[in-house]
């Protein structure tokens, strides 16, 4: 995370885009919907970045997470399910 912050300053959207796209392609082979995987991975990366850089989750992210997943706990479970599917 430290190297990312130094080397990729201002390019967080690019990293988020690439990570979510690659994860969606990979997990698409497991039968998961690539669009849903991409959106969940992108959101997870954005939330992680907020915390990693010393910020709180934005109100926009809180609202999206509540609308799409039902809340932070449900969102965390969804992300962990993706991680588990990646192992399978």
PDB file of N, CA and C in Angstrom:
ATOM      1  N   UNK A   1       0.823  -1.195   0.000  1.00  0.00           N
ATOM      2  CA  UNK A   1       0.000   0.000   0.000  1.00  0.00           C
ATOM      3  C   UNK A   1       0.861   1.251   0.000  1.00  0.00           C
ATOM      4  N   UNK A   2       1.975   1.198   0.710  1.00  0.00           N
ATOM      5  CA  UNK A   2       2.847   2.367   0.749  1.00  0.00           C
ATOM      6  C   UNK A   2       3.433   2.690  -0.617  1.00  0.00           C
ATOM      7  N   UNK A   3       3.934   1.672  -1.305  1.00  0.00           N
ATOM      8  CA  UNK A   3       4.476   1.886  -2.649  1.00  0.00           C
ATOM      9  C   UNK A   3       3.389   2.371  -3.602  1.00  0.00           C
ATOM     10  N   UNK A   4       2.211   1.821  -3.451  1.00  0.00           N
ATOM     11  CA  UNK A   4       1.097   2.252  -4.290  1.00  0.00           C
ATOM     12  C   UNK A   4       0.839   3.737  -4.096  1.00  0.00           C
ATOM     13  N   UNK A   5       0.832   4.182  -2.858  1.00  0.00           N
ATOM     14  CA  UNK A   5       0.565   5.585  -2.575  1.00  0.00           C
ATOM     15  C   UNK A   5       1.644   6.497  -3.160  1.00  0.00           C
ATOM     16  N   UNK A   6       2.895   6.044  -3.116  1.00  0.00           N
ATOM     17  CA  UNK A   6       4.001   6.863  -3.625  1.00  0.00           C
ATOM     18  C   UNK A   6       4.058   6.843  -5.150  1.00  0.00           C
ATOM     19  N   UNK A   7       4.009   5.651  -5.724  1.00  0.00           N
ATOM     20  CA  UNK A   7       4.218   5.504  -7.158  1.00  0.00           C
ATOM     21  C   UNK A   7       2.993   5.826  -8.010  1.00  0.00           C
ATOM     22  N   UNK A   8       1.822   5.667  -7.436  1.00  0.00           N
ATOM     23  CA  UNK A   8       0.620   5.803  -8.243  1.00  0.00           C
ATOM     24  C   UNK A   8      -0.251   6.970  -7.804  1.00  0.00           C
ATOM     25  N   UNK A   9       0.365   7.962  -7.221  1.00  0.00           N
ATOM     26  CA  UNK A   9      -0.382   9.121  -6.753  1.00  0.00           C
ATOM     27  C   UNK A   9      -1.245   9.686  -7.884  1.00  0.00           C
ATOM     28  N   UNK A  10      -2.520   9.833  -7.603  1.00  0.00           N
ATOM     29  CA  UNK A  10      -3.434  10.376  -8.596  1.00  0.00           C
ATOM     30  C   UNK A  10      -3.976   9.344  -9.572  1.00  0.00           C
ATOM     31  N   UNK A  11      -3.538   8.092  -9.478  1.00  0.00           N
ATOM     32  CA  UNK A  11      -3.977   7.058 -10.415  1.00  0.00           C
ATOM     33  C   UNK A  11      -4.806   5.970  -9.743  1.00  0.00           C
ATOM     34  N   UNK A  12      -5.429   6.283  -8.621  1.00  0.00           N
ATOM     35  CA  UNK A  12      -6.193   5.272  -7.891  1.00  0.00           C
ATOM     36  C   UNK A  12      -7.330   4.715  -8.735  1.00  0.00           C
ATOM     37  N   UNK A  13      -7.942   5.554  -9.548  1.00  0.00           N
ATOM     38  CA  UNK A  13      -9.038   5.069 -10.385  1.00  0.00           C
ATOM     39  C   UNK A  13      -8.547   4.031 -11.386  1.00  0.00           C
ATOM     40  N   UNK A  14      -7.366   4.224 -11.917  1.00  0.00           N
ATOM     41  CA  UNK A  14      -6.798   3.272 -12.874  1.00  0.00           C
ATOM     42  C   UNK A  14      -6.562   1.919 -12.203  1.00  0.00           C
ATOM     43  N   UNK A  15      -6.001   1.950 -10.994  1.00  0.00           N
ATOM     44  CA  UNK A  15      -5.740   0.709 -10.259  1.00  0.00           C
ATOM     45  C   UNK A  15      -7.057   0.017  -9.940  1.00  0.00           C
ATOM     46  N   UNK A  16      -8.024   0.768  -9.461  1.00  0.00           N
ATOM     47  CA  UNK A  16      -9.330   0.213  -9.141  1.00  0.00           C
ATOM     48  C   UNK A  16      -9.962  -0.422 -10.378  1.00  0.00           C
ATOM     49  N   UNK A  17      -9.890   0.271 -11.490  1.00  0.00           N
ATOM     50  CA  UNK A  17     -10.464  -0.228 -12.738  1.00  0.00           C
ATOM     51  C   UNK A  17      -9.794  -1.532 -13.161  1.00  0.00           C
ATOM     52  N   UNK A  18      -8.470  -1.538 -13.180  1.00  0.00           N
ATOM     53  CA  UNK A  18      -7.745  -2.743 -13.614  1.00  0.00           C
ATOM     54  C   UNK A  18      -7.995  -3.923 -12.693  1.00  0.00           C
ATOM     55  N   UNK A  19      -7.923  -3.680 -11.376  1.00  0.00           N
ATOM     56  CA  UNK A  19      -8.144  -4.771 -10.422  1.00  0.00           C
ATOM     57  C   UNK A  19      -9.534  -5.358 -10.563  1.00  0.00           C
ATOM     58  N   UNK A  20     -10.537  -4.488 -10.638  1.00  0.00           N
ATOM     59  CA  UNK A  20     -11.909  -4.989 -10.715  1.00  0.00           C
ATOM     60  C   UNK A  20     -12.159  -5.703 -12.035  1.00  0.00           C
ATOM     61  N   UNK A  21     -11.582  -5.215 -13.110  1.00  0.00           N
ATOM     62  CA  UNK A  21     -11.764  -5.849 -14.414  1.00  0.00           C
ATOM     63  C   UNK A  21     -11.113  -7.232 -14.451  1.00  0.00           C
ATOM     64  N   UNK A  22      -9.891  -7.332 -13.957  1.00  0.00           N
ATOM     65  CA  UNK A  22      -9.197  -8.623 -13.934  1.00  0.00           C
ATOM     66  C   UNK A  22      -9.905  -9.623 -13.026  1.00  0.00           C
ATOM     67  N   UNK A  23     -10.359  -9.154 -11.873  1.00  0.00           N
ATOM     68  CA  UNK A  23     -11.064 -10.036 -10.956  1.00  0.00           C
ATOM     69  C   UNK A  23     -12.375 -10.519 -11.577  1.00  0.00           C
ATOM     70  N   UNK A  24     -13.077  -9.622 -12.253  1.00  0.00           N
ATOM     71  CA  UNK A  24     -14.336 -10.003 -12.903  1.00  0.00           C
ATOM     72  C   UNK A  24     -14.096 -11.070 -13.962  1.00  0.00           C
ATOM     73  N   UNK A  25     -13.039 -10.913 -14.737  1.00  0.00           N
ATOM     74  CA  UNK A  25     -12.722 -11.916 -15.757  1.00  0.00           C
ATOM     75  C   UNK A  25     -12.387 -13.254 -15.111  1.00  0.00           C
ATOM     76  N   UNK A  26     -11.550 -13.209 -14.096  1.00  0.00           N
ATOM     77  CA  UNK A  26     -11.134 -14.436 -13.422  1.00  0.00           C
ATOM     78  C   UNK A  26     -12.309 -15.152 -12.782  1.00  0.00           C
ATOM     79  N   UNK A  27     -13.126 -14.431 -12.028  1.00  0.00           N
ATOM     80  CA  UNK A  27     -14.232 -15.065 -11.321  1.00  0.00           C
ATOM     81  C   UNK A  27     -15.398 -15.380 -12.252  1.00  0.00           C
ATOM     82  N   UNK A  28     -15.411 -14.782 -13.426  1.00  0.00           N
ATOM     83  CA  UNK A  28     -16.425 -15.123 -14.415  1.00  0.00           C
ATOM     84  C   UNK A  28     -16.350 -16.585 -14.806  1.00  0.00           C
ATOM     85  N   UNK A  29     -15.158 -17.142 -14.744  1.00  0.00           N
ATOM     86  CA  UNK A  29     -14.987 -18.564 -15.047  1.00  0.00           C
ATOM     87  C   UNK A  29     -15.583 -19.453 -13.959  1.00  0.00           C
ATOM     88  N   UNK A  30     -15.816 -18.883 -12.777  1.00  0.00           N
ATOM     89  CA  UNK A  30     -16.412 -19.639 -11.672  1.00  0.00           C
ATOM     90  C   UNK A  30     -17.929 -19.598 -11.709  1.00  0.00           C
ATOM     91  N   UNK A  31     -18.481 -18.921 -12.713  1.00  0.00           N
ATOM     92  CA  UNK A  31     -19.929 -18.841 -12.826  1.00  0.00           C
ATOM     93  C   UNK A  31     -20.539 -17.597 -12.218  1.00  0.00           C
ATOM     94  N   UNK A  32     -19.714 -16.717 -11.678  1.00  0.00           N
ATOM     95  CA  UNK A  32     -20.231 -15.475 -11.114  1.00  0.00           C
ATOM     96  C   UNK A  32     -20.395 -14.441 -12.220  1.00  0.00           C
ATOM     97  N   UNK A  33     -21.378 -13.563 -12.067  1.00  0.00           N
ATOM     98  CA  UNK A  33     -21.624 -12.529 -13.061  1.00  0.00           C
ATOM     99  C   UNK A  33     -20.501 -11.507 -13.074  1.00  0.00           C
ATOM    100  N   UNK A  34     -19.816 -11.331 -14.210  1.00  0.00           N
ATOM    101  CA  UNK A  34     -18.682 -10.411 -14.275  1.00  0.00           C
ATOM    102  C   UNK A  34     -19.028  -8.973 -13.880  1.00  0.00           C
ATOM    103  N   UNK A  35     -20.214  -8.504 -14.262  1.00  0.00           N
ATOM    104  CA  UNK A  35     -20.589  -7.125 -13.925  1.00  0.00           C
ATOM    105  C   UNK A  35     -20.720  -6.953 -12.412  1.00  0.00           C
ATOM    106  N   UNK A  36     -21.378  -7.901 -11.770  1.00  0.00           N
ATOM    107  CA  UNK A  36     -21.543  -7.832 -10.316  1.00  0.00           C
ATOM    108  C   UNK A  36     -20.191  -7.938  -9.608  1.00  0.00           C
ATOM    109  N   UNK A  37     -19.347  -8.840 -10.075  1.00  0.00           N
ATOM    110  CA  UNK A  37     -18.015  -8.999  -9.485  1.00  0.00           C
ATOM    111  C   UNK A  37     -17.219  -7.711  -9.633  1.00  0.00           C
ATOM    112  N   UNK A  38     -17.260  -7.131 -10.825  1.00  0.00           N
ATOM    113  CA  UNK A  38     -16.507  -5.907 -11.083  1.00  0.00           C
ATOM    114  C   UNK A  38     -16.978  -4.774 -10.176  1.00  0.00           C
ATOM    115  N   UNK A  39     -18.290  -4.600 -10.051  1.00  0.00           N
ATOM    116  CA  UNK A  39     -18.820  -3.523  -9.211  1.00  0.00           C
ATOM    117  C   UNK A  39     -18.464  -3.727  -7.741  1.00  0.00           C
ATOM    118  N   UNK A  40     -18.561  -4.963  -7.268  1.00  0.00           N
ATOM    119  CA  UNK A  40     -18.233  -5.253  -5.870  1.00  0.00           C
ATOM    120  C   UNK A  40     -16.741  -5.048  -5.615  1.00  0.00           C
ATOM    121  N   UNK A  41     -15.889  -5.536  -6.513  1.00  0.00           N
ATOM    122  CA  UNK A  41     -14.443  -5.381  -6.349  1.00  0.00           C
ATOM    123  C   UNK A  41     -14.040  -3.908  -6.393  1.00  0.00           C
ATOM    124  N   UNK A  42     -14.638  -3.157  -7.291  1.00  0.00           N
ATOM    125  CA  UNK A  42     -14.330  -1.729  -7.409  1.00  0.00           C
ATOM    126  C   UNK A  42     -14.696  -1.004  -6.111  1.00  0.00           C
ATOM    127  N   UNK A  43     -15.883  -1.288  -5.602  1.00  0.00           N
ATOM    128  CA  UNK A  43     -16.326  -0.652  -4.363  1.00  0.00           C
ATOM    129  C   UNK A  43     -15.414  -1.054  -3.203  1.00  0.00           C
ATOM    130  N   UNK A  44     -15.058  -2.341  -3.124  1.00  0.00           N
ATOM    131  CA  UNK A  44     -14.188  -2.810  -2.046  1.00  0.00           C
ATOM    132  C   UNK A  44     -12.831  -2.118  -2.106  1.00  0.00           C
ATOM    133  N   UNK A  45     -12.294  -1.957  -3.308  1.00  0.00           N
ATOM    134  CA  UNK A  45     -11.000  -1.306  -3.447  1.00  0.00           C
ATOM    135  C   UNK A  45     -11.085   0.162  -3.041  1.00  0.00           C
ATOM    136  N   UNK A  46     -12.156   0.838  -3.424  1.00  0.00           N
ATOM    137  CA  UNK A  46     -12.318   2.249  -3.069  1.00  0.00           C
ATOM    138  C   UNK A  46     -12.441   2.431  -1.558  1.00  0.00           C
ATOM    139  N   UNK A  47     -13.204   1.549  -0.905  1.00  0.00           N
ATOM    140  CA  UNK A  47     -13.359   1.619   0.544  1.00  0.00           C
ATOM    141  C   UNK A  47     -12.025   1.325   1.219  1.00  0.00           C
ATOM    142  N   UNK A  48     -11.319   0.291   0.748  1.00  0.00           N
ATOM    143  CA  UNK A  48     -10.011  -0.039   1.308  1.00  0.00           C
ATOM    144  C   UNK A  48      -9.046   1.123   1.168  1.00  0.00           C
ATOM    145  N   UNK A  49      -9.066   1.765   0.020  1.00  0.00           N
ATOM    146  CA  UNK A  49      -8.178   2.902  -0.219  1.00  0.00           C
ATOM    147  C   UNK A  49      -8.460   4.050   0.731  1.00  0.00           C
ATOM    148  N   UNK A  50      -9.736   4.285   0.992  1.00  0.00           N
ATOM    149  CA  UNK A  50     -10.090   5.346   1.937  1.00  0.00           C
ATOM    150  C   UNK A  50      -9.436   5.093   3.291  1.00  0.00           C
ATOM    151  N   UNK A  51      -9.612   3.880   3.799  1.00  0.00           N
ATOM    152  CA  UNK A  51      -9.041   3.545   5.102  1.00  0.00           C
ATOM    153  C   UNK A  51      -7.517   3.534   5.065  1.00  0.00           C
ATOM    154  N   UNK A  52      -6.953   3.008   4.004  1.00  0.00           N
ATOM    155  CA  UNK A  52      -5.493   2.916   3.898  1.00  0.00           C
ATOM    156  C   UNK A  52      -4.842   4.289   3.860  1.00  0.00           C
ATOM    157  N   UNK A  53      -5.553   5.272   3.352  1.00  0.00           N
ATOM    158  CA  UNK A  53      -4.996   6.623   3.254  1.00  0.00           C
ATOM    159  C   UNK A  53      -5.488   7.529   4.378  1.00  0.00           C
ATOM    160  N   UNK A  54      -6.069   6.918   5.412  1.00  0.00           N
ATOM    161  CA  UNK A  54      -6.429   7.660   6.616  1.00  0.00           C
ATOM    162  C   UNK A  54      -7.750   8.386   6.578  1.00  0.00           C
ATOM    163  N   UNK A  55      -8.611   8.036   5.651  1.00  0.00           N
ATOM    164  CA  UNK A  55      -9.911   8.694   5.562  1.00  0.00           C
ATOM    165  C   UNK A  55     -11.009   7.752   6.027  1.00  0.00           C
ATOM    166  N   UNK A  56     -12.180   8.314   6.195  1.00  0.00           N
ATOM    167  CA  UNK A  56     -13.367   7.516   6.477  1.00  0.00           C
ATOM    168  C   UNK A  56     -14.064   7.201   5.165  1.00  0.00           C
ATOM    169  N   UNK A  57     -14.919   6.218   5.193  1.00  0.00           N
ATOM    170  CA  UNK A  57     -15.703   5.892   4.017  1.00  0.00           C
ATOM    171  C   UNK A  57     -16.622   7.085   3.715  1.00  0.00           C
ATOM    172  N   UNK A  58     -16.694   7.432   2.445  1.00  0.00           N
ATOM    173  CA  UNK A  58     -17.518   8.585   2.058  1.00  0.00           C
ATOM    174  C   UNK A  58     -19.004   8.269   2.237  1.00  0.00           C
ATOM    175  N   UNK A  59     -19.783   9.317   2.377  1.00  0.00           N
ATOM    176  CA  UNK A  59     -21.238   9.167   2.492  1.00  0.00           C
ATOM    177  C   UNK A  59     -21.793   8.513   1.227  1.00  0.00           C
ATOM    178  N   UNK A  60     -21.194   8.826   0.090  1.00  0.00           N
ATOM    179  CA  UNK A  60     -21.618   8.241  -1.186  1.00  0.00           C
ATOM    180  C   UNK A  60     -21.435   6.722  -1.166  1.00  0.00           C
ATOM    181  N   UNK A  61     -20.273   6.273  -0.668  1.00  0.00           N
ATOM    182  CA  UNK A  61     -20.031   4.830  -0.584  1.00  0.00           C
ATOM    183  C   UNK A  61     -20.957   4.182   0.435  1.00  0.00           C
ATOM    184  N   UNK A  62     -21.156   4.844   1.568  1.00  0.00           N
ATOM    185  CA  UNK A  62     -22.071   4.304   2.579  1.00  0.00           C
ATOM    186  C   UNK A  62     -23.463   4.101   1.992  1.00  0.00           C
ATOM    187  N   UNK A  63     -23.932   5.093   1.244  1.00  0.00           N
ATOM    188  CA  UNK A  63     -25.262   5.025   0.640  1.00  0.00           C
ATOM    189  C   UNK A  63     -25.342   3.889  -0.381  1.00  0.00           C
ATOM    190  N   UNK A  64     -24.328   3.796  -1.250  1.00  0.00           N
ATOM    191  CA  UNK A  64     -24.315   2.730  -2.263  1.00  0.00           C
ATOM    192  C   UNK A  64     -24.290   1.346  -1.613  1.00  0.00           C
ATOM    193  N   UNK A  65     -23.468   1.195  -0.591  1.00  0.00           N
ATOM    194  CA  UNK A  65     -23.354  -0.092   0.092  1.00  0.00           C
ATOM    195  C   UNK A  65     -24.684  -0.465   0.748  1.00  0.00           C
ATOM    196  N   UNK A  66     -25.323   0.500   1.363  1.00  0.00           N
ATOM    197  CA  UNK A  66     -26.620   0.226   1.997  1.00  0.00           C
ATOM    198  C   UNK A  66     -27.664  -0.150   0.952  1.00  0.00           C
ATOM    199  N   UNK A  67     -27.689   0.569  -0.175  1.00  0.00           N
ATOM    200  CA  UNK A  67     -28.676   0.288  -1.225  1.00  0.00           C
ATOM    201  C   UNK A  67     -28.432  -1.055  -1.909  1.00  0.00           C
ATOM    202  N   UNK A  68     -27.176  -1.343  -2.253  1.00  0.00           N
ATOM    203  CA  UNK A  68     -26.858  -2.551  -3.023  1.00  0.00           C
ATOM    204  C   UNK A  68     -26.751  -3.818  -2.190  1.00  0.00           C
ATOM    205  N   UNK A  69     -26.219  -3.670  -0.970  1.00  0.00           N
ATOM    206  CA  UNK A  69     -25.888  -4.862  -0.193  1.00  0.00           C
ATOM    207  C   UNK A  69     -26.653  -4.970   1.127  1.00  0.00           C
ATOM    208  N   UNK A  70     -27.299  -3.886   1.555  1.00  0.00           N
ATOM    209  CA  UNK A  70     -28.046  -3.898   2.807  1.00  0.00           C
ATOM    210  C   UNK A  70     -27.282  -3.319   3.981  1.00  0.00           C
ATOM    211  N   UNK A  71     -25.992  -3.094   3.833  1.00  0.00           N
ATOM    212  CA  UNK A  71     -25.180  -2.533   4.906  1.00  0.00           C
ATOM    213  C   UNK A  71     -23.748  -3.022   4.832  1.00  0.00           C
ATOM    214  N   UNK A  72     -22.933  -2.522   5.755  1.00  0.00           N
ATOM    215  CA  UNK A  72     -21.500  -2.830   5.748  1.00  0.00           C
ATOM    216  C   UNK A  72     -21.225  -4.312   6.008  1.00  0.00           C
ATOM    217  N   UNK A  73     -21.980  -4.916   6.915  1.00  0.00           N
ATOM    218  CA  UNK A  73     -21.747  -6.335   7.219  1.00  0.00           C
ATOM    219  C   UNK A  73     -22.050  -7.217   6.008  1.00  0.00           C
ATOM    220  N   UNK A  74     -23.147  -6.922   5.339  1.00  0.00           N
ATOM    221  CA  UNK A  74     -23.528  -7.692   4.163  1.00  0.00           C
ATOM    222  C   UNK A  74     -22.522  -7.485   3.026  1.00  0.00           C
ATOM    223  N   UNK A  75     -22.033  -6.245   2.907  1.00  0.00           N
ATOM    224  CA  UNK A  75     -21.024  -5.947   1.885  1.00  0.00           C
ATOM    225  C   UNK A  75     -19.749  -6.728   2.158  1.00  0.00           C
ATOM    226  N   UNK A  76     -19.330  -6.750   3.412  1.00  0.00           N
ATOM    227  CA  UNK A  76     -18.134  -7.496   3.792  1.00  0.00           C
ATOM    228  C   UNK A  76     -18.305  -8.985   3.483  1.00  0.00           C
ATOM    229  N   UNK A  77     -19.475  -9.522   3.770  1.00  0.00           N
ATOM    230  CA  UNK A  77     -19.748 -10.936   3.454  1.00  0.00           C
ATOM    231  C   UNK A  77     -19.668 -11.191   1.957  1.00  0.00           C
ATOM    232  N   UNK A  78     -20.182 -10.257   1.157  1.00  0.00           N
ATOM    233  CA  UNK A  78     -20.142 -10.403  -0.297  1.00  0.00           C
ATOM    234  C   UNK A  78     -18.704 -10.422  -0.791  1.00  0.00           C
ATOM    235  N   UNK A  79     -17.880  -9.513  -0.266  1.00  0.00           N
ATOM    236  CA  UNK A  79     -16.474  -9.457  -0.664  1.00  0.00           C
ATOM    237  C   UNK A  79     -15.765 -10.746  -0.257  1.00  0.00           C
ATOM    238  N   UNK A  80     -16.028 -11.234   0.932  1.00  0.00           N
ATOM    239  CA  UNK A  80     -15.405 -12.476   1.382  1.00  0.00           C
ATOM    240  C   UNK A  80     -15.876 -13.669   0.558  1.00  0.00           C
ATOM    241  N   UNK A  81     -17.138 -13.650   0.123  1.00  0.00           N
ATOM    242  CA  UNK A  81     -17.633 -14.717  -0.752  1.00  0.00           C
ATOM    243  C   UNK A  81     -16.890 -14.709  -2.082  1.00  0.00           C
ATOM    244  N   UNK A  82     -16.582 -13.515  -2.601  1.00  0.00           N
ATOM    245  CA  UNK A  82     -15.807 -13.427  -3.839  1.00  0.00           C
ATOM    246  C   UNK A  82     -14.417 -14.010  -3.637  1.00  0.00           C
ATOM    247  N   UNK A  83     -13.823 -13.692  -2.500  1.00  0.00           N
ATOM    248  CA  UNK A  83     -12.500 -14.223  -2.192  1.00  0.00           C
ATOM    249  C   UNK A  83     -12.543 -15.744  -2.120  1.00  0.00           C
ATOM    250  N   UNK A  84     -13.585 -16.272  -1.490  1.00  0.00           N
ATOM    251  CA  UNK A  84     -13.729 -17.733  -1.377  1.00  0.00           C
ATOM    252  C   UNK A  84     -13.932 -18.357  -2.750  1.00  0.00           C
ATOM    253  N   UNK A  85     -14.716 -17.719  -3.619  1.00  0.00           N
ATOM    254  CA  UNK A  85     -14.945 -18.240  -4.969  1.00  0.00           C
ATOM    255  C   UNK A  85     -13.650 -18.256  -5.772  1.00  0.00           C
ATOM    256  N   UNK A  86     -12.777 -17.306  -5.498  1.00  0.00           N
ATOM    257  CA  UNK A  86     -11.497 -17.235  -6.188  1.00  0.00           C
ATOM    258  C   UNK A  86     -10.612 -18.427  -5.822  1.00  0.00           C
ATOM    259  N   UNK A  87     -10.779 -18.947  -4.634  1.00  0.00           N
ATOM    260  CA  UNK A  87      -9.986 -20.108  -4.198  1.00  0.00           C
ATOM    261  C   UNK A  87     -10.495 -21.410  -4.801  1.00  0.00           C
ATOM    262  N   UNK A  88     -11.803 -21.437  -5.099  1.00  0.00           N
ATOM    263  CA  UNK A  88     -12.444 -22.669  -5.546  1.00  0.00           C
ATOM    264  C   UNK A  88     -12.161 -22.997  -6.930  1.00  0.00           C
TER     265      UNK A  88
END
